PDB file of all heavy atoms in Angstrom:
ATOM      1  N   VAL A   1       1.811  12.453   3.307  1.00  0.00           N
ATOM      2  CA  VAL A   1       2.118  11.459   4.348  1.00  0.00           C
ATOM      3  C   VAL A   1       3.572  11.040   4.173  1.00  0.00           C
ATOM      4  O   VAL A   1       3.951  10.506   3.129  1.00  0.00           O
ATOM      5  CB  VAL A   1       1.192  10.239   4.256  1.00  0.00           C
ATOM      6  CG1 VAL A   1       1.612   9.167   5.254  1.00  0.00           C
ATOM      7  CG2 VAL A   1      -0.255  10.652   4.503  1.00  0.00           C
ATOM      8  N   THR A   2       4.389  11.300   5.180  1.00  0.00           N
ATOM      9  CA  THR A   2       5.819  10.989   5.071  1.00  0.00           C
ATOM     10  C   THR A   2       6.154   9.594   5.587  1.00  0.00           C
ATOM     11  O   THR A   2       7.256   9.103   5.335  1.00  0.00           O
ATOM     12  CB  THR A   2       6.658  12.025   5.833  1.00  0.00           C
ATOM     13  OG1 THR A   2       6.226  12.062   7.198  1.00  0.00           O
ATOM     14  CG2 THR A   2       6.482  13.406   5.216  1.00  0.00           C
ATOM     15  N   GLY A   3       5.239   8.955   6.299  1.00  0.00           N
ATOM     16  CA  GLY A   3       5.516   7.596   6.734  1.00  0.00           C
ATOM     17  C   GLY A   3       4.605   7.118   7.846  1.00  0.00           C
ATOM     18  O   GLY A   3       3.837   7.892   8.428  1.00  0.00           O
ATOM     19  N   VAL A   4       4.689   5.822   8.105  1.00  0.00           N
ATOM     20  CA  VAL A   4       3.963   5.178   9.205  1.00  0.00           C
ATOM     21  C   VAL A   4       4.854   5.235  10.446  1.00  0.00           C
ATOM     22  O   VAL A   4       6.000   4.792  10.408  1.00  0.00           O
ATOM     23  CB  VAL A   4       3.632   3.715   8.847  1.00  0.00           C
ATOM     24  CG1 VAL A   4       3.008   2.993  10.042  1.00  0.00           C
ATOM     25  CG2 VAL A   4       2.712   3.655   7.641  1.00  0.00           C
ATOM     26  N   VAL A   5       4.342   5.782  11.554  1.00  0.00           N
ATOM     27  CA  VAL A   5       5.152   5.873  12.773  1.00  0.00           C
ATOM     28  C   VAL A   5       4.712   4.879  13.846  1.00  0.00           C
ATOM     29  O   VAL A   5       5.471   4.610  14.778  1.00  0.00           O
ATOM     30  CB  VAL A   5       5.135   7.305  13.355  1.00  0.00           C
ATOM     31  CG1 VAL A   5       5.782   8.285  12.393  1.00  0.00           C
ATOM     32  CG2 VAL A   5       3.726   7.753  13.714  1.00  0.00           C
ATOM     33  N   ALA A   6       3.499   4.346  13.727  1.00  0.00           N
ATOM     34  CA  ALA A   6       3.034   3.327  14.671  1.00  0.00           C
ATOM     35  C   ALA A   6       1.996   2.468  13.975  1.00  0.00           C
ATOM     36  O   ALA A   6       1.164   2.972  13.223  1.00  0.00           O
ATOM     37  CB  ALA A   6       2.454   3.959  15.938  1.00  0.00           C
ATOM     38  N   ASP A   7       2.052   1.179  14.257  1.00  0.00           N
ATOM     39  CA  ASP A   7       1.286   0.193  13.502  1.00  0.00           C
ATOM     40  C   ASP A   7       0.770  -0.857  14.482  1.00  0.00           C
ATOM     41  O   ASP A   7       1.556  -1.482  15.191  1.00  0.00           O
ATOM     42  CB  ASP A   7       2.215  -0.433  12.457  1.00  0.00           C
ATOM     43  CG  ASP A   7       1.568  -1.556  11.665  1.00  0.00           C
ATOM     44  OD1 ASP A   7       0.359  -1.774  11.807  1.00  0.00           O
ATOM     45  OD2 ASP A   7       2.295  -2.212  10.901  1.00  0.00           O
ATOM     46  N   ASP A   8      -0.553  -1.041  14.537  1.00  0.00           N
ATOM     47  CA  ASP A   8      -1.132  -2.057  15.405  1.00  0.00           C
ATOM     48  C   ASP A   8      -2.000  -2.979  14.557  1.00  0.00           C
ATOM     49  O   ASP A   8      -3.190  -2.735  14.365  1.00  0.00           O
ATOM     50  CB  ASP A   8      -1.968  -1.406  16.509  1.00  0.00           C
ATOM     51  CG  ASP A   8      -2.451  -2.406  17.539  1.00  0.00           C
ATOM     52  OD1 ASP A   8      -2.419  -3.622  17.265  1.00  0.00           O
ATOM     53  OD2 ASP A   8      -2.889  -1.982  18.630  1.00  0.00           O
ATOM     54  N   PRO A   9      -1.407  -4.046  13.982  1.00  0.00           N
ATOM     55  CA  PRO A   9      -2.182  -4.928  13.105  1.00  0.00           C
ATOM     56  C   PRO A   9      -3.306  -5.661  13.821  1.00  0.00           C
ATOM     57  O   PRO A   9      -4.330  -5.967  13.217  1.00  0.00           O
ATOM     58  CB  PRO A   9      -1.131  -5.913  12.578  1.00  0.00           C
ATOM     59  CG  PRO A   9      -0.006  -5.851  13.553  1.00  0.00           C
ATOM     60  CD  PRO A   9       0.006  -4.454  14.093  1.00  0.00           C
ATOM     61  N   ALA A  10      -3.141  -5.934  15.112  1.00  0.00           N
ATOM     62  CA  ALA A  10      -4.172  -6.666  15.840  1.00  0.00           C
ATOM     63  C   ALA A  10      -5.448  -5.855  15.984  1.00  0.00           C
ATOM     64  O   ALA A  10      -6.540  -6.414  16.082  1.00  0.00           O
ATOM     65  CB  ALA A  10      -3.648  -7.074  17.219  1.00  0.00           C
ATOM     66  N   ARG A  11      -5.321  -4.526  15.985  1.00  0.00           N
ATOM     67  CA  ARG A  11      -6.496  -3.674  16.203  1.00  0.00           C
ATOM     68  C   ARG A  11      -6.790  -2.771  15.011  1.00  0.00           C
ATOM     69  O   ARG A  11      -7.644  -1.896  15.090  1.00  0.00           O
ATOM     70  CB  ARG A  11      -6.286  -2.837  17.470  1.00  0.00           C
ATOM     71  CG  ARG A  11      -6.200  -3.701  18.718  1.00  0.00           C
ATOM     72  CD  ARG A  11      -5.845  -2.906  19.957  1.00  0.00           C
ATOM     73  NE  ARG A  11      -5.824  -3.755  21.125  1.00  0.00           N
ATOM     74  CZ  ARG A  11      -4.790  -4.503  21.500  1.00  0.00           C
ATOM     75  NH1 ARG A  11      -3.694  -4.496  20.775  1.00  0.00           N
ATOM     76  NH2 ARG A  11      -4.847  -5.262  22.574  1.00  0.00           N
ATOM     77  N   ASP A  12      -6.060  -2.970  13.910  1.00  0.00           N
ATOM     78  CA  ASP A  12      -6.322  -2.238  12.665  1.00  0.00           C
ATOM     79  C   ASP A  12      -6.120  -0.730  12.826  1.00  0.00           C
ATOM     80  O   ASP A  12      -6.920   0.075  12.349  1.00  0.00           O
ATOM     81  CB  ASP A  12      -7.752  -2.542  12.168  1.00  0.00           C
ATOM     82  CG  ASP A  12      -7.967  -2.136  10.719  1.00  0.00           C
ATOM     83  OD1 ASP A  12      -6.973  -1.902  10.000  1.00  0.00           O
ATOM     84  OD2 ASP A  12      -9.135  -2.019  10.311  1.00  0.00           O
ATOM     85  N   LEU A  13      -5.023  -0.343  13.471  1.00  0.00           N
ATOM     86  CA  LEU A  13      -4.767   1.075  13.734  1.00  0.00           C
ATOM     87  C   LEU A  13      -3.416   1.502  13.173  1.00  0.00           C
ATOM     88  O   LEU A  13      -2.464   0.721  13.157  1.00  0.00           O
ATOM     89  CB  LEU A  13      -4.775   1.344  15.246  1.00  0.00           C
ATOM     90  CG  LEU A  13      -6.072   1.038  16.000  1.00  0.00           C
ATOM     91  CD1 LEU A  13      -5.867   1.248  17.497  1.00  0.00           C
ATOM     92  CD2 LEU A  13      -7.211   1.896  15.499  1.00  0.00           C
ATOM     93  N   LEU A  14      -3.346   2.760  12.733  1.00  0.00           N
ATOM     94  CA  LEU A  14      -2.099   3.354  12.263  1.00  0.00           C
ATOM     95  C   LEU A  14      -1.980   4.776  12.786  1.00  0.00           C
ATOM     96  O   LEU A  14      -2.988   5.482  12.941  1.00  0.00           O
ATOM     97  CB  LEU A  14      -2.064   3.438  10.728  1.00  0.00           C
ATOM     98  CG  LEU A  14      -1.649   2.253   9.879  1.00  0.00           C
ATOM     99  CD1 LEU A  14      -1.559   2.700   8.429  1.00  0.00           C
ATOM    100  CD2 LEU A  14      -0.340   1.656  10.344  1.00  0.00           C
ATOM    101  N   LEU A  15      -0.735   5.189  13.013  1.00  0.00           N
ATOM    102  CA  LEU A  15      -0.411   6.599  13.179  1.00  0.00           C
ATOM    103  C   LEU A  15       0.538   6.991  12.053  1.00  0.00           C
ATOM    104  O   LEU A  15       1.499   6.283  11.773  1.00  0.00           O
ATOM    105  CB  LEU A  15       0.257   6.867  14.536  1.00  0.00           C
ATOM    106  CG  LEU A  15      -0.612   6.788  15.784  1.00  0.00           C
ATOM    107  CD1 LEU A  15       0.235   7.076  17.028  1.00  0.00           C
ATOM    108  CD2 LEU A  15      -1.774   7.782  15.719  1.00  0.00           C
ATOM    109  N   LEU A  16       0.250   8.132  11.425  1.00  0.00           N
ATOM    110  CA  LEU A  16       1.018   8.594  10.277  1.00  0.00           C
ATOM    111  C   LEU A  16       1.704   9.914  10.583  1.00  0.00           C
ATOM    112  O   LEU A  16       1.140  10.773  11.273  1.00  0.00           O
ATOM    113  CB  LEU A  16       0.091   8.791   9.073  1.00  0.00           C
ATOM    114  CG  LEU A  16      -0.745   7.587   8.638  1.00  0.00           C
ATOM    115  CD1 LEU A  16      -1.711   7.993   7.530  1.00  0.00           C
ATOM    116  CD2 LEU A  16       0.149   6.438   8.186  1.00  0.00           C
ATOM    117  N   ALA A  17       2.910  10.067  10.041  1.00  0.00           N
ATOM    118  CA  ALA A  17       3.594  11.355  10.063  1.00  0.00           C
ATOM    119  C   ALA A  17       3.217  12.120   8.797  1.00  0.00           C
ATOM    120  O   ALA A  17       3.133  11.544   7.712  1.00  0.00           O
ATOM    121  CB  ALA A  17       5.105  11.162  10.130  1.00  0.00           C
ATOM    122  N   VAL A  18       2.993  13.426   8.953  1.00  0.00           N
ATOM    123  CA  VAL A  18       2.483  14.243   7.851  1.00  0.00           C
ATOM    124  C   VAL A  18       3.343  15.488   7.704  1.00  0.00           C
ATOM    125  O   VAL A  18       3.796  16.071   8.702  1.00  0.00           O
ATOM    126  CB  VAL A  18       1.012  14.643   8.122  1.00  0.00           C
ATOM    127  CG1 VAL A  18       0.476  15.519   7.007  1.00  0.00           C
ATOM    128  CG2 VAL A  18       0.147  13.404   8.272  1.00  0.00           C
ATOM    129  N   ARG A  19       3.577  15.884   6.458  1.00  0.00           N
ATOM    130  CA  ARG A  19       4.280  17.144   6.192  1.00  0.00           C
ATOM    131  C   ARG A  19       3.294  18.140   5.581  1.00  0.00           C
ATOM    132  O   ARG A  19       2.754  17.915   4.503  1.00  0.00           O
ATOM    133  CB  ARG A  19       5.454  16.923   5.232  1.00  0.00           C
ATOM    134  CG  ARG A  19       6.258  18.205   4.974  1.00  0.00           C
ATOM    135  CD  ARG A  19       7.457  17.951   4.072  1.00  0.00           C
ATOM    136  NE  ARG A  19       7.064  17.514   2.735  1.00  0.00           N
ATOM    137  CZ  ARG A  19       7.243  16.283   2.252  1.00  0.00           C
ATOM    138  NH1 ARG A  19       7.812  15.359   3.008  1.00  0.00           N
ATOM    139  NH2 ARG A  19       6.860  15.962   1.043  1.00  0.00           N
ATOM    140  N   MET A  20       3.058  19.236   6.303  1.00  0.00           N
ATOM    141  CA  MET A  20       2.148  20.266   5.818  1.00  0.00           C
ATOM    142  C   MET A  20       2.847  21.121   4.751  1.00  0.00           C
ATOM    143  O   MET A  20       4.068  21.292   4.790  1.00  0.00           O
ATOM    144  CB  MET A  20       1.692  21.144   6.971  1.00  0.00           C
ATOM    145  CG  MET A  20       0.965  20.404   8.080  1.00  0.00           C
ATOM    146  SD  MET A  20      -0.611  19.716   7.529  1.00  0.00           S
ATOM    147  CE  MET A  20      -1.533  21.237   7.224  1.00  0.00           C
ATOM    148  N   PRO A  21       2.093  21.643   3.795  1.00  0.00           N
ATOM    149  CA  PRO A  21       2.717  22.486   2.762  1.00  0.00           C
ATOM    150  C   PRO A  21       3.292  23.766   3.356  1.00  0.00           C
ATOM    151  O   PRO A  21       2.760  24.316   4.332  1.00  0.00           O
ATOM    152  CB  PRO A  21       1.554  22.780   1.804  1.00  0.00           C
ATOM    153  CG  PRO A  21       0.316  22.554   2.602  1.00  0.00           C
ATOM    154  CD  PRO A  21       0.643  21.483   3.593  1.00  0.00           C
ATOM    155  N   ASP A  22       4.411  24.215   2.788  1.00  0.00           N
ATOM    156  CA  ASP A  22       5.056  25.469   3.199  1.00  0.00           C
ATOM    157  C   ASP A  22       5.508  25.465   4.652  1.00  0.00           C
ATOM    158  O   ASP A  22       5.696  26.527   5.261  1.00  0.00           O
ATOM    159  CB  ASP A  22       4.130  26.673   2.955  1.00  0.00           C
ATOM    160  CG  ASP A  22       3.697  26.782   1.500  1.00  0.00           C
ATOM    161  OD1 ASP A  22       4.541  26.469   0.632  1.00  0.00           O
ATOM    162  OD2 ASP A  22       2.547  27.145   1.237  1.00  0.00           O
ATOM    163  N   GLY A  23       5.643  24.264   5.232  1.00  0.00           N
ATOM    164  CA  GLY A  23       6.138  24.183   6.596  1.00  0.00           C
ATOM    165  C   GLY A  23       5.178  24.678   7.655  1.00  0.00           C
ATOM    166  O   GLY A  23       5.591  24.944   8.792  1.00  0.00           O
ATOM    167  N   THR A  24       3.903  24.830   7.327  1.00  0.00           N
ATOM    168  CA  THR A  24       2.920  25.302   8.308  1.00  0.00           C
ATOM    169  C   THR A  24       2.689  24.233   9.374  1.00  0.00           C
ATOM    170  O   THR A  24       2.954  23.045   9.167  1.00  0.00           O
ATOM    171  CB  THR A  24       1.595  25.641   7.624  1.00  0.00           C
ATOM    172  OG1 THR A  24       1.142  24.493   6.873  1.00  0.00           O
ATOM    173  CG2 THR A  24       1.763  26.827   6.683  1.00  0.00           C
ATOM    174  N   ALA A  25       2.180  24.657  10.513  1.00  0.00           N
ATOM    175  CA  ALA A  25       1.895  23.728  11.604  1.00  0.00           C
ATOM    176  C   ALA A  25       0.629  22.926  11.277  1.00  0.00           C
ATOM    177  O   ALA A  25      -0.274  23.426  10.606  1.00  0.00           O
ATOM    178  CB  ALA A  25       1.697  24.500  12.906  1.00  0.00           C
ATOM    179  N   PRO A  26       0.561  21.680  11.732  1.00  0.00           N
ATOM    180  CA  PRO A  26      -0.660  20.901  11.498  1.00  0.00           C
ATOM    181  C   PRO A  26      -1.828  21.484  12.260  1.00  0.00           C
ATOM    182  O   PRO A  26      -1.647  22.223  13.236  1.00  0.00           O
ATOM    183  CB  PRO A  26      -0.290  19.512  12.029  1.00  0.00           C
ATOM    184  CG  PRO A  26       0.817  19.740  12.988  1.00  0.00           C
ATOM    185  CD  PRO A  26       1.579  20.922  12.474  1.00  0.00           C
ATOM    186  N   PRO A  27      -3.043  21.195  11.830  1.00  0.00           N
ATOM    187  CA  PRO A  27      -4.220  21.682  12.556  1.00  0.00           C
ATOM    188  C   PRO A  27      -4.231  21.171  13.995  1.00  0.00           C
ATOM    189  O   PRO A  27      -3.605  20.148  14.315  1.00  0.00           O
ATOM    190  CB  PRO A  27      -5.392  21.095  11.770  1.00  0.00           C
ATOM    191  CG  PRO A  27      -4.846  20.761  10.435  1.00  0.00           C
ATOM    192  CD  PRO A  27      -3.407  20.400  10.654  1.00  0.00           C
ATOM    193  N   ARG A  28      -4.936  21.870  14.827  1.00  0.00           N
ATOM    194  CA  ARG A  28      -5.089  21.431  16.216  1.00  0.00           C
ATOM    195  C   ARG A  28      -5.763  20.068  16.247  1.00  0.00           C
ATOM    196  O   ARG A  28      -6.790  19.856  15.602  1.00  0.00           O
ATOM    197  CB  ARG A  28      -5.924  22.456  16.980  1.00  0.00           C
ATOM    198  CG  ARG A  28      -6.143  22.095  18.435  1.00  0.00           C
ATOM    199  CD  ARG A  28      -7.013  23.146  19.115  1.00  0.00           C
ATOM    200  NE  ARG A  28      -7.302  22.803  20.496  1.00  0.00           N
ATOM    201  CZ  ARG A  28      -8.119  23.505  21.276  1.00  0.00           C
ATOM    202  NH1 ARG A  28      -8.714  24.581  20.792  1.00  0.00           N
ATOM    203  NH2 ARG A  28      -8.324  23.140  22.520  1.00  0.00           N
TER     204      ARG A  28
END
């Protein structure tokens, strides 16, 4: 996890940025 990109404290939600190993694309 490289960081938090969106944060909604009122609704308890997060979006995270992720770095896959070896530069592969994230899953669908």
